[in-house]
Amino acid sequence: MRVLCMLVALAGCSSSSETASAPDLATPLDLLSPAVPDLAGLTGADSGLTADRPYNFYVPSGYDKNTPTPLLILLHGYSFNAEGQEAWFNMKPVADAHTFLYAYPNGTVDFLGNRFWNATDACCDIGGTGVDDVAYLNAIIDDVSAKYNVDPKRIFVAGHSNGGFMSHRMACDAPRVAAIVSIAGAVWKDDSRCSPAGPVSVLQVHGDADTVISYDGGSNPGLPPYPSAHDTVATWAAKNGCSGQLVDSGETLDLDSALAGAETTVSRYSGCNVELWTIHGGGHVPNFQPSWGETFYGFLAAHPKP
């Protein structure tokens, strides 16, 4: 029962991938009947991991094979799926506007029928499958790079909840990743398990009223603990050799349409590209403004590898 309660809490569920609204956390039946992805339009190599696990892919209208082009990989939350994540964030128009290649894959299915990423020990391979999702996402990068002109300095990963945890995992383990955005995720609690090959730009977005993945850190029943939002960015500040402390920039943003005014404060470390955007009063599933995709991609686009 404790595990089931944890699963209901972690679920970012919606029974339809056609709506652009946020996942509905009040629909526990979605845990038992997750949306089945439409395989039309999926792509993958002729052999290897991407053949076994095809991924959704979008080529922007302005793509030029002679121009090195950024790549964004977007990762869904636990029990959600790629198609629903795209419907929620609506990144295809952003890809057209800024000309980046866009992959949005699905995690594997656990023993309860829910899609997940094997990110950290805190989230979310609850069945102990040991699936190597770092290898899988690296295979997607390889596959896209074999078919398109990917700019090796502008490979980005973003995700929500379990997908946010997986974004941190890729920043730790995948040297090609230039920058990540994690919404309501966290890095390893044991920071010795994160060994990036070099600096990675990191944006952590987190609601301070999140009761699923707590802003102040915690754990879900039966799983090891995860760090707070502040400790998460502090880990990256240390890994990146940042100078100084996390400082409130004085900048505010209106990210969540359900909250009045510019509810989000922007804090950053000096001397490197690590930021924390705190949604004051925000929960686990923000009601993002329609401009959210532009906003978070703006951070990524501004932080290529040197």
Protein backbone atom coordinates (compact mmCIF):
# COMPACT_ATOMS: atom_id res chain seq x y z
CA MET A 1 0.00 0.00 0.00
CA ARG A 2 2.85 2.39 0.84
CA VAL A 3 4.39 1.81 -2.58
CA LEU A 4 1.04 2.33 -4.32
CA CYS A 5 0.56 5.62 -2.46
CA MET A 6 4.02 6.68 -3.58
CA LEU A 7 3.18 5.80 -7.16
CA VAL A 8 -0.02 7.83 -7.08
CA ALA A 9 1.97 10.76 -5.71
CA LEU A 10 4.71 10.51 -8.32
CA ALA A 11 2.33 10.09 -11.24
CA GLY A 12 2.05 12.97 -13.66
CA CYS A 13 -0.87 11.32 -15.39
CA SER A 14 -3.28 12.27 -18.09
CA SER A 15 -5.46 9.85 -20.00
CA SER A 16 -5.10 11.80 -23.22
CA SER A 17 -2.08 13.07 -25.09
CA GLU A 18 -4.23 15.44 -27.14
CA THR A 19 -4.63 18.08 -24.43
CA ALA A 20 -2.07 20.79 -23.84
CA SER A 21 -3.00 21.06 -20.15
CA ALA A 22 -0.77 19.90 -17.32
CA PRO A 23 -0.93 16.27 -16.17
CA ASP A 24 -3.83 15.55 -13.83
CA LEU A 25 -2.54 14.23 -10.50
CA ALA A 26 -6.08 13.50 -9.33
CA THR A 27 -6.60 10.60 -11.73
CA PRO A 28 -5.11 7.51 -10.03
CA LEU A 29 -6.82 5.16 -12.50
CA ASP A 30 -4.32 6.37 -15.07
CA LEU A 31 -1.76 4.36 -13.13
CA LEU A 32 -3.56 1.22 -14.24
CA SER A 33 -4.17 2.29 -17.83
CA PRO A 34 -1.37 4.55 -19.08
CA ALA A 35 -1.76 6.03 -22.51
CA VAL A 36 -0.31 3.88 -25.28
CA PRO A 37 1.99 5.86 -27.56
CA ASP A 38 1.16 6.22 -31.22
CA LEU A 39 4.05 4.57 -33.05
CA ALA A 40 3.45 6.63 -36.17
CA GLY A 41 6.27 9.07 -36.74
CA LEU A 42 8.72 7.32 -34.46
CA THR A 43 12.26 6.93 -35.61
CA GLY A 44 15.28 4.80 -34.77
CA ALA A 45 18.39 3.21 -36.21
CA ASP A 46 18.30 -0.08 -38.07
CA SER A 47 19.85 -1.86 -35.12
CA GLY A 48 20.65 -1.32 -31.47
CA LEU A 49 18.84 0.44 -28.66
CA THR A 50 16.83 2.86 -30.76
CA ALA A 51 15.52 0.03 -32.92
CA ASP A 52 14.22 -1.71 -29.81
CA ARG A 53 12.93 1.57 -28.36
CA PRO A 54 11.94 3.97 -31.18
CA TYR A 55 11.62 7.60 -30.17
CA ASN A 56 9.45 10.52 -31.25
CA PHE A 57 11.34 13.04 -33.34
CA TYR A 58 10.65 16.39 -34.94
CA VAL A 59 12.66 18.23 -37.61
CA PRO A 60 12.09 22.01 -37.56
CA SER A 61 10.85 23.69 -40.72
CA GLY A 62 14.03 25.75 -41.07
CA TYR A 63 16.49 22.88 -40.76
CA ASP A 64 19.46 23.18 -43.13
CA LYS A 65 21.66 20.11 -43.45
CA ASN A 66 24.67 22.38 -43.96
CA THR A 67 24.20 24.16 -40.64
CA PRO A 68 25.10 22.59 -37.27
CA THR A 69 21.81 22.48 -35.37
CA PRO A 70 21.01 22.15 -31.64
CA LEU A 71 19.34 19.00 -30.30
CA LEU A 72 16.84 18.98 -27.43
CA ILE A 73 15.71 15.77 -25.70
CA LEU A 74 12.57 16.19 -23.55
CA LEU A 75 11.78 13.59 -20.86
CA HIS A 76 8.39 12.87 -19.32
CA GLY A 77 7.58 12.20 -15.66
CA TYR A 78 6.81 8.88 -13.97
CA SER A 79 3.71 7.16 -15.43
CA PHE A 80 3.33 9.89 -18.07
CA ASN A 81 4.49 9.51 -21.68
CA ALA A 82 6.33 11.33 -24.44
CA GLU A 83 3.24 12.34 -26.38
CA GLY A 84 1.56 13.81 -23.31
CA GLN A 85 4.72 15.67 -22.37
CA GLU A 86 4.89 17.24 -25.82
CA ALA A 87 1.19 18.16 -25.66
CA TRP A 88 1.79 19.84 -22.31
CA PHE A 89 4.97 21.75 -23.25
CA ASN A 90 4.12 22.23 -26.97
CA MET A 91 7.74 22.39 -28.09
CA LYS A 92 7.29 21.85 -31.83
CA PRO A 93 6.47 25.53 -32.53
CA VAL A 94 9.46 26.49 -30.37
CA ALA A 95 11.64 24.12 -32.42
CA ASP A 96 10.42 25.83 -35.60
CA ALA A 97 10.99 29.31 -34.16
CA HIS A 98 14.54 28.58 -32.98
CA THR A 99 15.53 25.77 -35.39
CA PHE A 100 16.51 22.91 -33.11
CA LEU A 101 16.12 19.18 -33.60
CA TYR A 102 13.72 17.70 -31.07
CA ALA A 103 13.47 14.18 -29.63
CA TYR A 104 10.90 13.16 -27.03
CA PRO A 105 11.28 9.48 -26.12
CA ASN A 106 9.34 7.16 -23.85
CA GLY A 107 10.70 5.46 -20.76
CA THR A 108 10.28 1.72 -20.29
CA VAL A 109 7.28 0.16 -18.54
CA ASP A 110 7.49 -1.13 -14.96
CA PHE A 111 5.60 -3.98 -13.28
CA LEU A 112 2.55 -1.74 -12.75
CA GLY A 113 2.44 -0.70 -16.38
CA ASN A 114 3.88 2.78 -15.79
CA ARG A 115 6.60 4.41 -17.84
CA PHE A 116 9.74 5.47 -15.97
CA TRP A 117 13.38 6.50 -16.27
CA ASN A 118 16.10 4.75 -14.27
CA ALA A 119 17.63 8.02 -13.11
CA THR A 120 18.91 7.92 -9.52
CA ASP A 121 18.30 5.56 -6.63
CA ALA A 122 15.60 7.98 -5.43
CA CYS A 123 13.58 7.87 -8.66
CA CYS A 124 12.18 5.79 -10.30
CA ASP A 125 13.17 2.20 -11.11
CA ILE A 126 10.95 0.87 -8.34
CA GLY A 127 10.98 -2.63 -9.84
CA GLY A 128 14.77 -2.82 -9.88
CA THR A 129 15.01 -3.55 -13.60
CA GLY A 130 18.40 -1.86 -13.92
CA VAL A 131 17.56 -0.60 -17.41
CA ASP A 132 20.41 1.59 -18.70
CA ASP A 133 18.63 4.77 -19.73
CA VAL A 134 21.90 6.69 -19.96
CA ALA A 135 22.95 4.30 -22.73
CA TYR A 136 19.53 4.64 -24.38
CA LEU A 137 19.56 8.45 -24.42
CA ASN A 138 23.15 8.42 -25.66
CA ALA A 139 21.98 6.09 -28.44
CA ILE A 140 19.34 8.66 -29.40
CA ILE A 141 22.04 11.33 -29.61
CA ASP A 142 24.12 8.98 -31.78
CA ASP A 143 21.17 8.14 -34.01
CA VAL A 144 20.13 11.76 -34.56
CA SER A 145 23.75 12.77 -35.14
CA ALA A 146 24.13 10.06 -37.78
CA LYS A 147 21.14 11.38 -39.72
CA TYR A 148 21.29 15.13 -39.15
CA ASN A 149 23.87 17.85 -38.66
CA VAL A 150 23.83 18.09 -34.84
CA ASP A 151 25.89 20.83 -33.23
CA PRO A 152 28.03 18.92 -30.68
CA LYS A 153 28.22 22.03 -28.48
CA ARG A 154 24.45 22.41 -28.21
CA ILE A 155 23.00 19.11 -27.02
CA PHE A 156 20.38 19.77 -24.34
CA VAL A 157 18.19 17.65 -22.04
CA ALA A 158 15.11 18.77 -20.12
CA GLY A 159 12.50 16.93 -18.08
CA HIS A 160 9.81 17.03 -15.42
CA SER A 161 9.78 15.05 -12.17
CA ASN A 162 11.29 11.61 -12.98
CA GLY A 163 12.39 13.20 -16.26
CA GLY A 164 14.03 15.97 -14.24
CA PHE A 165 15.96 13.38 -12.22
CA MET A 166 17.01 11.77 -15.51
CA SER A 167 18.16 15.14 -16.86
CA HIS A 168 20.50 15.46 -13.88
CA ARG A 169 21.70 11.89 -14.46
CA MET A 170 22.57 12.72 -18.07
CA ALA A 171 24.45 15.84 -16.94
CA CYS A 172 26.47 13.61 -14.60
CA ASP A 173 27.16 10.76 -17.03
CA ALA A 174 26.90 12.04 -20.62
CA PRO A 175 29.85 14.32 -21.52
CA ARG A 176 28.14 15.60 -24.68
CA VAL A 177 25.32 17.30 -22.77
CA ALA A 178 25.89 21.07 -22.65
CA ALA A 179 22.96 22.13 -20.45
CA ILE A 180 19.88 20.76 -18.71
CA VAL A 181 16.59 22.00 -17.31
CA SER A 182 15.09 19.99 -14.45
CA ILE A 183 11.56 20.74 -13.31
CA ALA A 184 10.86 19.18 -9.88
CA GLY A 185 13.75 16.73 -10.16
CA ALA A 186 16.98 16.33 -8.21
CA VAL A 187 20.54 15.14 -8.56
CA TRP A 188 22.03 12.22 -6.57
CA LYS A 189 21.91 12.68 -2.79
CA ASP A 190 25.39 11.12 -2.73
CA ASP A 191 27.21 13.61 -4.92
CA SER A 192 30.15 11.22 -5.35
CA ARG A 193 27.92 9.31 -7.78
CA CYS A 194 27.89 12.30 -10.13
CA SER A 195 31.14 12.67 -12.06
CA PRO A 196 30.70 15.02 -15.02
CA ALA A 197 33.56 15.21 -17.49
CA GLY A 198 33.38 19.01 -17.41
CA PRO A 199 31.07 21.91 -16.53
CA VAL A 200 27.37 21.54 -17.39
CA SER A 201 24.94 24.46 -17.31
CA VAL A 202 22.02 23.63 -14.99
CA LEU A 203 18.63 25.22 -14.45
CA GLN A 204 16.59 23.81 -11.55
CA VAL A 205 12.92 24.86 -11.55
CA HIS A 206 10.98 23.88 -8.43
CA GLY A 207 7.82 24.89 -6.59
CA ASP A 208 8.35 25.47 -2.88
CA ALA A 209 4.91 23.98 -2.17
CA ASP A 210 5.66 20.73 -4.03
CA THR A 211 4.35 17.84 -1.90
CA VAL A 212 5.56 15.09 -4.25
CA ILE A 213 9.23 15.94 -4.75
CA SER A 214 9.81 18.31 -1.87
CA TYR A 215 11.65 21.57 -2.48
CA ASP A 216 13.41 20.92 0.84
CA GLY A 217 14.42 17.36 -0.02
CA GLY A 218 13.05 14.09 1.31
CA SER A 219 12.22 10.60 0.13
CA ASN A 220 9.34 8.55 -1.18
CA PRO A 221 8.30 5.37 0.65
CA GLY A 222 10.71 2.53 0.08
CA LEU A 223 13.26 4.64 -1.83
CA PRO A 224 16.48 6.40 -0.75
CA PRO A 225 16.39 10.17 -0.14
CA TYR A 226 16.90 12.94 -2.67
CA PRO A 227 18.47 16.36 -1.95
CA SER A 228 16.69 19.71 -1.71
CA ALA A 229 16.51 22.13 -4.62
CA HIS A 230 19.17 24.26 -2.92
CA ASP A 231 21.45 21.25 -2.32
CA THR A 232 20.93 20.14 -5.92
CA VAL A 233 22.21 23.42 -7.35
CA ALA A 234 24.94 23.54 -4.69
CA THR A 235 26.17 20.16 -5.94
CA TRP A 236 26.38 21.53 -9.47
CA ALA A 237 28.05 24.72 -8.28
CA ALA A 238 30.78 22.59 -6.68
CA LYS A 239 31.11 20.33 -9.73
CA ASN A 240 31.36 23.36 -12.03
CA GLY A 241 33.81 25.28 -9.87
CA CYS A 242 31.44 28.18 -9.25
CA SER A 243 32.64 31.13 -7.21
CA GLY A 244 30.59 32.76 -4.50
CA GLN A 245 27.17 31.83 -3.17
CA LEU A 246 23.70 31.40 -4.60
CA VAL A 247 22.37 34.95 -4.92
CA ASP A 248 18.89 36.29 -5.59
CA SER A 249 19.19 38.15 -8.87
CA GLY A 250 16.17 40.36 -8.18
CA GLU A 251 14.56 39.07 -11.38
CA THR A 252 11.05 37.67 -11.18
CA LEU A 253 9.09 35.61 -13.69
CA ASP A 254 5.43 34.74 -14.20
CA LEU A 255 5.67 31.01 -14.98
CA ASP A 256 2.55 29.58 -13.32
CA SER A 257 -0.77 30.90 -14.58
CA ALA A 258 -2.57 29.60 -11.47
CA LEU A 259 -0.56 31.90 -9.19
CA ALA A 260 -0.95 35.66 -9.02
CA GLY A 261 1.72 37.93 -10.40
CA ALA A 262 5.36 37.15 -11.05
CA GLU A 263 5.61 34.35 -8.52
CA THR A 264 9.01 32.95 -9.49
CA THR A 265 12.33 34.27 -8.22
CA VAL A 266 15.61 33.71 -10.05
CA SER A 267 18.77 32.89 -8.10
CA ARG A 268 22.16 32.05 -9.56
CA TYR A 269 25.77 31.40 -8.69
CA SER A 270 28.36 33.88 -9.86
CA GLY A 271 31.10 32.66 -12.13
CA CYS A 272 29.18 29.80 -13.74
CA ASN A 273 25.87 28.80 -15.27
CA VAL A 274 23.88 27.28 -12.40
CA GLU A 275 20.45 28.75 -11.60
CA LEU A 276 17.50 28.03 -9.31
CA TRP A 277 14.06 29.31 -10.26
CA THR A 278 11.74 29.01 -7.25
CA ILE A 279 8.00 29.01 -7.96
CA HIS A 280 6.65 30.43 -4.70
CA GLY A 281 3.45 28.60 -3.85
CA GLY A 282 4.00 26.26 -6.81
CA GLY A 283 3.18 22.56 -6.63
CA HIS A 284 4.57 19.52 -8.38
CA VAL A 285 2.77 20.16 -11.67
CA PRO A 286 2.90 23.88 -12.52
CA ASN A 287 0.25 25.41 -14.73
CA PHE A 288 2.88 26.78 -17.05
CA GLN A 289 2.18 29.85 -19.14
CA PRO A 290 1.96 29.22 -22.91
CA SER A 291 5.36 30.90 -23.25
CA TRP A 292 7.02 28.34 -20.94
CA GLY A 293 8.71 26.44 -23.78
CA GLU A 294 10.29 29.65 -25.07
CA THR A 295 11.39 30.55 -21.56
CA PHE A 296 13.21 27.36 -20.67
CA TYR A 297 14.69 26.92 -24.14
CA GLY A 298 16.06 30.44 -23.80
CA PHE A 299 18.21 29.26 -20.90
CA LEU A 300 19.49 26.28 -22.88
CA ALA A 301 20.21 28.25 -26.04
CA ALA A 302 22.25 30.75 -24.03
CA HIS A 303 24.52 28.02 -22.61
CA PRO A 304 26.31 25.97 -25.26
CA LYS A 305 29.54 24.20 -24.44
CA PRO A 306 32.54 26.54 -24.66
